[in-house]
Amino acid sequence: MNSNSLPAVPTIDVPDIGPDFSAPFFQGLQVLASYVLAAAIIAVFIMLVIAIGALAFRGLAPERVRTWAGENIAWIFLAAALLGGISGLFQWFINFDFGF
């Protein structure tokens, strides 16, 4: 036997591993998470429309709403981007389902 040769390595057949989503509560969690995401996206979108409208048209909203919009427009855009990213990941991993 040559000292430089390695012994034969046995091959191991590993089956494909996949997640099992058959738990009875999993579908309910998906629907609940999609409802929460949908409600949050709608709320942030409404806030974004109000803020842009208040800043774009001076006579549309009172001074207090314009002040609120000016101070928080960046946070509203950030929240919209964050929720959009989360819902995109949710759609990619689980399949975005509003539950209707």
C-alpha atoms as a PDB file:
ATOM      1  CA  MET A   1       0.000   0.000   0.000  1.00  0.00           C
ATOM      2  CA  ASN A   2       1.289   3.414  -0.935  1.00  0.00           C
ATOM      3  CA  SER A   3       1.532   5.855   1.985  1.00  0.00           C
ATOM      4  CA  ASN A   4       0.369   8.749  -0.242  1.00  0.00           C
ATOM      5  CA  SER A   5      -2.948   7.162  -1.247  1.00  0.00           C
ATOM      6  CA  LEU A   6      -6.091   7.824   0.731  1.00  0.00           C
ATOM      7  CA  PRO A   7      -8.543   5.094   1.556  1.00  0.00           C
ATOM      8  CA  ALA A   8     -11.782   5.073  -0.428  1.00  0.00           C
ATOM      9  CA  VAL A   9     -14.285   7.510   1.062  1.00  0.00           C
ATOM     10  CA  PRO A  10     -17.788   6.074   1.157  1.00  0.00           C
ATOM     11  CA  THR A  11     -20.412   8.230  -0.512  1.00  0.00           C
ATOM     12  CA  ILE A  12     -23.351   9.308   1.584  1.00  0.00           C
ATOM     13  CA  ASP A  13     -26.690   9.992  -0.072  1.00  0.00           C
ATOM     14  CA  VAL A  14     -28.310  12.921   1.784  1.00  0.00           C
ATOM     15  CA  PRO A  15     -31.959  13.534   0.850  1.00  0.00           C
ATOM     16  CA  ASP A  16     -33.250  17.028   0.143  1.00  0.00           C
ATOM     17  CA  ILE A  17     -34.464  18.761   3.274  1.00  0.00           C
ATOM     18  CA  GLY A  18     -37.486  21.031   3.075  1.00  0.00           C
ATOM     19  CA  PRO A  19     -39.642  22.776   5.657  1.00  0.00           C
ATOM     20  CA  ASP A  20     -42.934  21.212   6.650  1.00  0.00           C
ATOM     21  CA  PHE A  21     -45.686  23.847   6.736  1.00  0.00           C
ATOM     22  CA  SER A  22     -48.468  21.382   7.514  1.00  0.00           C
ATOM     23  CA  ALA A  23     -48.981  22.471  11.130  1.00  0.00           C
ATOM     24  CA  PRO A  24     -52.626  23.506  11.652  1.00  0.00           C
ATOM     25  CA  PHE A  25     -51.792  26.897  13.156  1.00  0.00           C
ATOM     26  CA  PHE A  26     -49.330  27.900  10.430  1.00  0.00           C
ATOM     27  CA  GLN A  27     -51.988  29.017   7.937  1.00  0.00           C
ATOM     28  CA  GLY A  28     -53.636  31.110  10.661  1.00  0.00           C
ATOM     29  CA  LEU A  29     -50.327  32.793  11.500  1.00  0.00           C
ATOM     30  CA  GLN A  30     -49.777  33.603   7.831  1.00  0.00           C
ATOM     31  CA  VAL A  31     -53.229  35.161   7.508  1.00  0.00           C
ATOM     32  CA  LEU A  32     -52.799  37.107  10.752  1.00  0.00           C
ATOM     33  CA  ALA A  33     -49.390  38.420   9.675  1.00  0.00           C
ATOM     34  CA  SER A  34     -50.741  39.409   6.249  1.00  0.00           C
ATOM     35  CA  TYR A  35     -53.659  41.284   7.889  1.00  0.00           C
ATOM     36  CA  VAL A  36     -51.257  43.180  10.151  1.00  0.00           C
ATOM     37  CA  LEU A  37     -48.959  44.034   7.231  1.00  0.00           C
ATOM     38  CA  ALA A  38     -51.871  45.131   5.043  1.00  0.00           C
ATOM     39  CA  ALA A  39     -53.336  47.341   7.789  1.00  0.00           C
ATOM     40  CA  ALA A  40     -49.943  48.921   8.486  1.00  0.00           C
ATOM     41  CA  ILE A  41     -49.274  49.576   4.791  1.00  0.00           C
ATOM     42  CA  ILE A  42     -52.709  51.164   4.341  1.00  0.00           C
ATOM     43  CA  ALA A  43     -52.269  53.347   7.453  1.00  0.00           C
ATOM     44  CA  VAL A  44     -48.820  54.539   6.360  1.00  0.00           C
ATOM     45  CA  PHE A  45     -50.068  55.204   2.838  1.00  0.00           C
ATOM     46  CA  ILE A  46     -52.936  57.330   4.190  1.00  0.00           C
ATOM     47  CA  MET A  47     -50.489  59.252   6.404  1.00  0.00           C
ATOM     48  CA  LEU A  48     -48.215  59.767   3.401  1.00  0.00           C
ATOM     49  CA  VAL A  49     -51.070  61.109   1.256  1.00  0.00           C
ATOM     50  CA  ILE A  50     -52.182  63.473   4.043  1.00  0.00           C
ATOM     51  CA  ALA A  51     -48.625  64.695   4.646  1.00  0.00           C
ATOM     52  CA  ILE A  52     -47.881  65.299   0.961  1.00  0.00           C
ATOM     53  CA  GLY A  53     -51.254  66.960   0.441  1.00  0.00           C
ATOM     54  CA  ALA A  54     -50.782  69.215   3.480  1.00  0.00           C
ATOM     55  CA  LEU A  55     -47.324  70.272   2.327  1.00  0.00           C
ATOM     56  CA  ALA A  56     -48.248  70.692  -1.342  1.00  0.00           C
ATOM     57  CA  PHE A  57     -51.453  72.698  -0.890  1.00  0.00           C
ATOM     58  CA  ARG A  58     -51.410  75.356   1.832  1.00  0.00           C
ATOM     59  CA  GLY A  59     -55.173  75.852   2.035  1.00  0.00           C
ATOM     60  CA  LEU A  60     -55.923  72.132   2.311  1.00  0.00           C
ATOM     61  CA  ALA A  61     -54.971  71.616   5.953  1.00  0.00           C
ATOM     62  CA  PRO A  62     -54.637  73.749   9.080  1.00  0.00           C
ATOM     63  CA  GLU A  63     -51.256  75.001  10.278  1.00  0.00           C
ATOM     64  CA  ARG A  64     -50.962  72.274  12.907  1.00  0.00           C
ATOM     65  CA  VAL A  65     -51.296  69.499  10.286  1.00  0.00           C
ATOM     66  CA  ARG A  66     -48.734  71.210   8.042  1.00  0.00           C
ATOM     67  CA  THR A  67     -46.324  71.446  10.977  1.00  0.00           C
ATOM     68  CA  TRP A  68     -46.861  67.756  11.763  1.00  0.00           C
ATOM     69  CA  ALA A  69     -46.341  66.832   8.109  1.00  0.00           C
ATOM     70  CA  GLY A  70     -43.172  68.871   7.812  1.00  0.00           C
ATOM     71  CA  GLU A  71     -41.661  67.346  10.942  1.00  0.00           C
ATOM     72  CA  ASN A  72     -42.616  63.734  10.191  1.00  0.00           C
ATOM     73  CA  ILE A  73     -42.542  63.330   6.395  1.00  0.00           C
ATOM     74  CA  ALA A  74     -39.100  61.676   6.466  1.00  0.00           C
ATOM     75  CA  TRP A  75     -40.230  59.198   9.140  1.00  0.00           C
ATOM     76  CA  ILE A  76     -43.352  58.404   7.121  1.00  0.00           C
ATOM     77  CA  PHE A  77     -41.278  57.727   3.994  1.00  0.00           C
ATOM     78  CA  LEU A  78     -38.934  55.545   6.055  1.00  0.00           C
ATOM     79  CA  ALA A  79     -41.865  53.599   7.509  1.00  0.00           C
ATOM     80  CA  ALA A  80     -43.342  53.109   4.032  1.00  0.00           C
ATOM     81  CA  ALA A  81     -40.024  51.824   2.697  1.00  0.00           C
ATOM     82  CA  LEU A  82     -39.543  49.523   5.681  1.00  0.00           C
ATOM     83  CA  LEU A  83     -43.065  48.087   5.432  1.00  0.00           C
ATOM     84  CA  GLY A  84     -42.640  47.636   1.692  1.00  0.00           C
ATOM     85  CA  GLY A  85     -39.427  45.701   2.260  1.00  0.00           C
ATOM     86  CA  ILE A  86     -40.974  43.542   4.973  1.00  0.00           C
ATOM     87  CA  SER A  87     -44.016  42.751   2.840  1.00  0.00           C
ATOM     88  CA  GLY A  88     -41.746  41.928  -0.103  1.00  0.00           C
ATOM     89  CA  LEU A  89     -39.765  39.481   2.017  1.00  0.00           C
ATOM     90  CA  PHE A  90     -43.002  38.048   3.400  1.00  0.00           C
ATOM     91  CA  GLN A  91     -44.289  37.577  -0.144  1.00  0.00           C
ATOM     92  CA  TRP A  92     -41.043  35.991  -1.246  1.00  0.00           C
ATOM     93  CA  PHE A  93     -40.806  33.535   1.665  1.00  0.00           C
ATOM     94  CA  ILE A  94     -44.422  32.725   2.501  1.00  0.00           C
ATOM     95  CA  ASN A  95     -46.636  34.057  -0.318  1.00  0.00           C
ATOM     96  CA  PHE A  96     -48.387  37.297   0.557  1.00  0.00           C
ATOM     97  CA  ASP A  97     -52.012  36.445   1.251  1.00  0.00           C
ATOM     98  CA  PHE A  98     -54.436  39.122   2.463  1.00  0.00           C
ATOM     99  CA  GLY A  99     -56.733  36.302   3.631  1.00  0.00           C
ATOM    100  CA  PHE A 100     -59.750  37.344   1.572  1.00  0.00           C
END
